[in-house]
Protein backbone atom coordinates (compact mmCIF):
# COMPACT_ATOMS: atom_id res chain seq x y z
CA UNK A 1 -18.34 -52.71 -71.74
CA UNK A 2 -21.80 -53.97 -72.60
CA UNK A 3 -21.04 -55.41 -76.03
CA UNK A 4 -23.31 -58.40 -75.50
CA UNK A 5 -26.46 -56.32 -75.58
CA UNK A 6 -28.66 -56.61 -78.66
CA UNK A 7 -29.40 -52.92 -79.26
CA UNK A 8 -26.52 -50.47 -79.72
CA UNK A 9 -27.26 -46.89 -80.82
CA UNK A 10 -30.81 -47.98 -81.63
CA UNK A 11 -29.52 -50.71 -83.97
CA UNK A 12 -30.63 -54.29 -83.38
CA UNK A 13 -27.26 -56.01 -83.77
CA UNK A 14 -28.89 -59.43 -83.85
CA UNK A 15 -30.54 -58.54 -87.16
CA UNK A 16 -27.65 -56.84 -88.94
CA UNK A 17 -27.41 -57.88 -92.60
CA UNK A 18 -24.31 -59.57 -94.02
CA UNK A 19 -23.24 -58.81 -97.60
CA UNK A 20 -21.52 -61.25 -99.92
CA UNK A 21 -18.47 -60.14 -101.91
CA UNK A 22 -20.62 -60.05 -105.06
CA UNK A 23 -23.17 -57.79 -103.35
CA UNK A 24 -20.42 -55.48 -102.14
CA UNK A 25 -19.00 -55.21 -105.65
CA UNK A 26 -22.41 -54.43 -107.13
CA UNK A 27 -23.09 -51.78 -104.49
CA UNK A 28 -19.68 -50.18 -105.05
CA UNK A 29 -20.45 -49.80 -108.74
CA UNK A 30 -23.61 -47.91 -107.80
CA UNK A 31 -21.78 -45.88 -105.16
CA UNK A 32 -19.21 -44.78 -107.74
CA UNK A 33 -22.09 -43.39 -109.77
CA UNK A 34 -23.31 -41.30 -106.84
CA UNK A 35 -26.10 -43.62 -105.66
CA UNK A 36 -26.73 -42.54 -102.04
CA UNK A 37 -29.12 -45.41 -101.34
CA UNK A 38 -26.43 -47.90 -102.35
CA UNK A 39 -23.96 -46.17 -100.00
CA UNK A 40 -26.46 -46.39 -97.13
CA UNK A 41 -27.09 -50.07 -97.88
CA UNK A 42 -23.34 -50.74 -97.97
CA UNK A 43 -22.87 -49.05 -94.59
CA UNK A 44 -25.67 -51.12 -93.02
CA UNK A 45 -24.24 -54.27 -94.58
CA UNK A 46 -20.90 -53.71 -92.84
CA UNK A 47 -22.07 -52.79 -89.34
CA UNK A 48 -21.22 -56.32 -88.21
CA UNK A 49 -17.62 -55.50 -89.10
CA UNK A 50 -17.75 -52.42 -86.84
CA UNK A 51 -19.25 -54.51 -84.03
CA UNK A 52 -16.51 -57.15 -84.32
CA UNK A 53 -13.78 -54.49 -84.25
CA UNK A 54 -14.99 -52.63 -81.15
CA UNK A 55 -15.04 -55.92 -79.25
CA UNK A 56 -11.24 -55.65 -79.26
CA UNK A 57 -11.63 -52.77 -76.86
CA UNK A 58 -13.86 -54.69 -74.44
CA UNK A 59 -11.17 -54.36 -71.73
CA UNK A 60 -11.71 -50.65 -71.60
CA UNK A 61 -14.69 -50.63 -69.29
CA UNK A 62 -14.80 -46.85 -69.08
CA UNK A 63 -15.73 -46.65 -72.73
CA UNK A 64 -19.39 -46.81 -73.65
CA UNK A 65 -20.36 -49.38 -76.29
CA UNK A 66 -22.75 -46.93 -77.95
CA UNK A 67 -20.02 -44.27 -78.25
CA UNK A 68 -17.44 -46.69 -79.63
CA UNK A 69 -19.96 -48.08 -82.12
CA UNK A 70 -20.67 -44.60 -83.44
CA UNK A 71 -16.95 -43.84 -83.67
CA UNK A 72 -16.39 -47.16 -85.43
CA UNK A 73 -19.10 -46.23 -87.95
CA UNK A 74 -17.19 -43.03 -88.73
CA UNK A 75 -14.13 -45.16 -89.50
CA UNK A 76 -16.29 -47.41 -91.70
CA UNK A 77 -17.63 -44.43 -93.67
CA UNK A 78 -14.12 -43.06 -94.15
CA UNK A 79 -13.04 -46.48 -95.43
CA UNK A 80 -15.95 -46.57 -97.92
CA UNK A 81 -15.17 -43.08 -99.19
CA UNK A 82 -11.44 -43.77 -99.63
CA UNK A 83 -11.42 -47.41 -100.77
CA UNK A 84 -9.80 -48.01 -104.15
CA UNK A 85 -11.32 -51.05 -105.83
CA UNK A 86 -8.24 -51.31 -108.04
CA UNK A 87 -6.31 -52.50 -105.03
CA UNK A 88 -6.14 -56.27 -104.81
CA UNK A 89 -7.53 -56.42 -101.25
CA UNK A 90 -10.88 -57.12 -99.68
CA UNK A 91 -12.80 -54.14 -98.37
CA UNK A 92 -12.77 -55.57 -94.82
CA UNK A 93 -8.97 -55.81 -94.93
CA UNK A 94 -8.81 -52.11 -95.79
CA UNK A 95 -11.57 -51.01 -93.42
CA UNK A 96 -10.53 -52.73 -90.18
CA UNK A 97 -7.36 -50.64 -89.58
CA UNK A 98 -9.34 -47.44 -90.25
CA UNK A 99 -12.05 -48.43 -87.77
CA UNK A 100 -9.44 -49.40 -85.16
CA UNK A 101 -7.58 -46.13 -85.72
CA UNK A 102 -10.76 -44.11 -85.26
CA UNK A 103 -11.56 -45.94 -81.99
CA UNK A 104 -8.04 -45.49 -80.64
CA UNK A 105 -8.05 -41.80 -81.55
CA UNK A 106 -11.36 -41.34 -79.73
CA UNK A 107 -10.11 -43.17 -76.63
CA UNK A 108 -6.88 -41.16 -76.64
CA UNK A 109 -8.61 -37.79 -76.97
CA UNK A 110 -11.22 -38.63 -74.32
CA UNK A 111 -8.89 -40.09 -71.73
CA UNK A 112 -9.42 -38.40 -68.35
CA UNK A 113 -5.68 -38.63 -67.66
CA UNK A 114 -3.60 -36.56 -70.07
CA UNK A 115 -0.63 -38.44 -71.48
CA UNK A 116 2.19 -36.76 -73.39
CA UNK A 117 2.28 -37.11 -77.17
CA UNK A 118 5.68 -38.85 -77.07
CA UNK A 119 4.44 -41.51 -74.63
CA UNK A 120 1.30 -42.09 -76.69
CA UNK A 121 3.35 -42.46 -79.88
CA UNK A 122 5.59 -45.06 -78.25
CA UNK A 123 2.56 -46.91 -76.85
CA UNK A 124 0.77 -47.04 -80.22
CA UNK A 125 3.94 -48.21 -81.98
CA UNK A 126 4.21 -50.97 -79.37
CA UNK A 127 0.56 -51.96 -79.81
CA UNK A 128 0.95 -52.07 -83.59
CA UNK A 129 4.15 -54.13 -83.26
CA UNK A 130 2.38 -56.48 -80.83
CA UNK A 131 -0.42 -57.09 -83.34
CA UNK A 132 2.10 -57.84 -86.10
CA UNK A 133 4.20 -60.14 -83.92
CA UNK A 134 1.13 -62.00 -82.64
CA UNK A 135 0.17 -62.88 -86.21
CA UNK A 136 3.77 -63.72 -87.13
CA UNK A 137 4.60 -65.82 -84.05
CA UNK A 138 1.08 -67.22 -83.50
CA UNK A 139 1.35 -66.27 -79.82
CA UNK A 140 1.49 -63.15 -77.67
CA UNK A 141 4.99 -61.60 -77.91
CA UNK A 142 7.11 -60.71 -74.90
CA UNK A 143 7.96 -57.12 -73.99
CA UNK A 144 11.53 -57.80 -75.14
CA UNK A 145 10.34 -58.96 -78.56
CA UNK A 146 8.14 -55.87 -78.90
CA UNK A 147 11.03 -53.61 -77.80
CA UNK A 148 13.34 -55.23 -80.36
CA UNK A 149 10.71 -54.81 -83.08
CA UNK A 150 10.37 -51.04 -82.51
CA UNK A 151 14.06 -50.64 -81.54
CA UNK A 152 13.37 -49.10 -78.14
CA UNK A 153 14.35 -49.97 -74.54
CA UNK A 154 11.98 -52.36 -72.74
CA UNK A 155 11.54 -49.83 -69.92
CA UNK A 156 10.24 -47.20 -72.37
CA UNK A 157 7.71 -49.67 -73.78
CA UNK A 158 6.45 -50.64 -70.31
CA UNK A 159 6.16 -47.01 -69.17
CA UNK A 160 4.31 -45.98 -72.33
CA UNK A 161 1.83 -48.86 -72.16
CA UNK A 162 1.21 -48.18 -68.46
CA UNK A 163 0.59 -44.51 -69.23
CA UNK A 164 -2.28 -45.17 -71.65
CA UNK A 165 -3.83 -48.00 -69.62
CA UNK A 166 -7.35 -47.30 -68.39
CA UNK A 167 -7.37 -46.65 -64.61
CA UNK A 168 -9.38 -49.13 -62.56
CA UNK A 169 -11.61 -48.07 -59.71
CA UNK A 170 -10.85 -49.50 -56.27
CA UNK A 171 -14.57 -50.29 -56.12
CA UNK A 172 -14.39 -52.44 -59.28
CA UNK A 173 -16.15 -55.77 -58.47
CA UNK A 174 -13.79 -58.71 -58.93
CA UNK A 175 -15.99 -61.51 -57.56
CA UNK A 176 -19.58 -62.01 -56.49
CA UNK A 177 -21.23 -64.89 -54.66
CA UNK A 178 -24.89 -64.24 -53.95
CA UNK A 179 -25.09 -60.98 -52.02
CA UNK A 180 -21.37 -61.00 -51.19
CA UNK A 181 -19.39 -58.73 -53.49
CA UNK A 182 -15.59 -58.50 -53.40
CA UNK A 183 -14.06 -55.27 -54.68
CA UNK A 184 -10.56 -54.54 -55.88
CA UNK A 185 -9.82 -52.61 -52.69
CA UNK A 186 -10.52 -55.81 -50.73
CA UNK A 187 -7.51 -57.40 -52.48
CA UNK A 188 -5.08 -54.70 -51.36
CA UNK A 189 -2.91 -54.96 -48.28
CA UNK A 190 -2.94 -52.11 -45.77
CA UNK A 191 0.74 -51.46 -44.99
CA UNK A 192 0.29 -48.15 -43.18
CA UNK A 193 -2.32 -48.84 -40.51
CA UNK A 194 -0.30 -50.84 -37.97
CA UNK A 195 -1.11 -51.69 -34.36
CA UNK A 196 0.77 -48.70 -32.96
CA UNK A 197 -1.54 -46.32 -34.82
CA UNK A 198 -4.71 -48.10 -33.76
CA UNK A 199 -4.06 -48.50 -30.03
CA UNK A 200 -3.43 -44.75 -29.63
CA UNK A 201 -7.16 -44.33 -29.84
CA UNK A 202 -8.53 -46.05 -26.73
CA UNK A 203 -12.13 -45.65 -27.82
CA UNK A 204 -11.34 -47.58 -30.95
CA UNK A 205 -9.69 -50.31 -28.92
CA UNK A 206 -12.78 -50.53 -26.73
CA UNK A 207 -14.90 -50.89 -29.86
CA UNK A 208 -12.71 -53.77 -31.04
CA UNK A 209 -12.95 -55.48 -27.68
CA UNK A 210 -16.73 -55.68 -28.16
CA UNK A 211 -16.35 -57.81 -31.30
CA UNK A 212 -16.61 -61.57 -31.16
CA UNK A 213 -13.35 -63.52 -31.46
CA UNK A 214 -13.52 -64.20 -35.20
CA UNK A 215 -14.40 -60.61 -36.13
CA UNK A 216 -11.67 -59.35 -33.80
CA UNK A 217 -9.09 -61.60 -35.48
CA UNK A 218 -10.16 -60.47 -38.94
CA UNK A 219 -9.84 -56.78 -38.05
CA UNK A 220 -6.48 -57.44 -36.39
CA UNK A 221 -5.10 -59.37 -39.34
CA UNK A 222 -6.45 -56.92 -41.90
CA UNK A 223 -5.55 -53.59 -40.29
CA UNK A 224 -2.90 -54.41 -37.68
CA UNK A 225 -0.89 -56.77 -39.85
CA UNK A 226 -1.84 -55.43 -43.26
CA UNK A 227 -2.94 -58.74 -44.79
CA UNK A 228 -5.26 -59.12 -47.76
CA UNK A 229 -8.64 -60.77 -47.42
CA UNK A 230 -7.27 -63.78 -49.32
CA UNK A 231 -4.44 -64.16 -46.81
CA UNK A 232 -6.85 -63.81 -43.89
CA UNK A 233 -9.19 -66.40 -45.41
CA UNK A 234 -6.32 -68.89 -45.74
CA UNK A 235 -5.18 -68.26 -42.19
CA UNK A 236 -8.56 -68.75 -40.48
CA UNK A 237 -9.84 -71.36 -42.97
CA UNK A 238 -12.95 -69.64 -44.35
CA UNK A 239 -13.80 -68.24 -47.79
CA UNK A 240 -12.78 -64.77 -48.87
CA UNK A 241 -16.45 -63.90 -49.31
CA UNK A 242 -17.03 -64.75 -45.63
CA UNK A 243 -14.03 -62.64 -44.62
CA UNK A 244 -15.44 -59.70 -46.58
CA UNK A 245 -18.88 -60.07 -45.00
CA UNK A 246 -17.52 -60.41 -41.44
CA UNK A 247 -15.11 -57.50 -41.94
CA UNK A 248 -17.93 -55.20 -43.06
CA UNK A 249 -20.12 -56.36 -40.18
CA UNK A 250 -17.32 -55.74 -37.65
CA UNK A 251 -16.59 -52.26 -38.98
CA UNK A 252 -20.30 -51.42 -38.89
CA UNK A 253 -20.53 -52.56 -35.24
CA UNK A 254 -17.48 -50.49 -34.31
CA UNK A 255 -18.89 -47.40 -36.02
CA UNK A 256 -22.19 -47.78 -34.17
CA UNK A 257 -20.34 -48.03 -30.85
CA UNK A 258 -18.20 -44.96 -31.59
CA UNK A 259 -21.16 -42.73 -32.44
């Protein structure tokens, strides 16, 4: 998610104002009297808070930074409208959970994969418990500790968290060196395409025979023996980027021959 860009939703995040506690208090007094300009100024003065909160969701690459920022602003406005100054808490302490809740609700409702309400409830309880335990233990808790905290079986916690996880594309880049790009699919072993399946097609075998020795070995190790590019690289003592490049070149040569 492109949270490092300067402009989000037309707002220059590098120039966002920052209000002091005294300024917030003074603005709230005006807001309570119905001053709309003060409310607008208060919103603008807390956009940095929204920006910091949506960075927690930076692992969700499918989500657009502009969309999440707008959703976070809705949470901010709800916090402003419902904040009780009689409470002995800072506004940011009150607002952050509302902004997070708005973002999570948006991500849940816009998830391409529909997850049952019961699984989502378990997952959100686990996430909330994880946040509490992280602050309490000063480290990331184990699944067992989270399960004990919410009084549920570990298996249920794991299944629920897996269910709401954002799917990753097989074409997600995991490494790049110059023009060589390694994708997630390059890290996956091929367990189905064994030698018996390949040699049935004699034309394909002929195409392989036209490859040089190194390309032939790479294709054999990758698709006959089902090894990952990392395993192939270790076996023939070259980098994974080189394996990826040679594999693509070999497949291209074979396709040209088979046409």
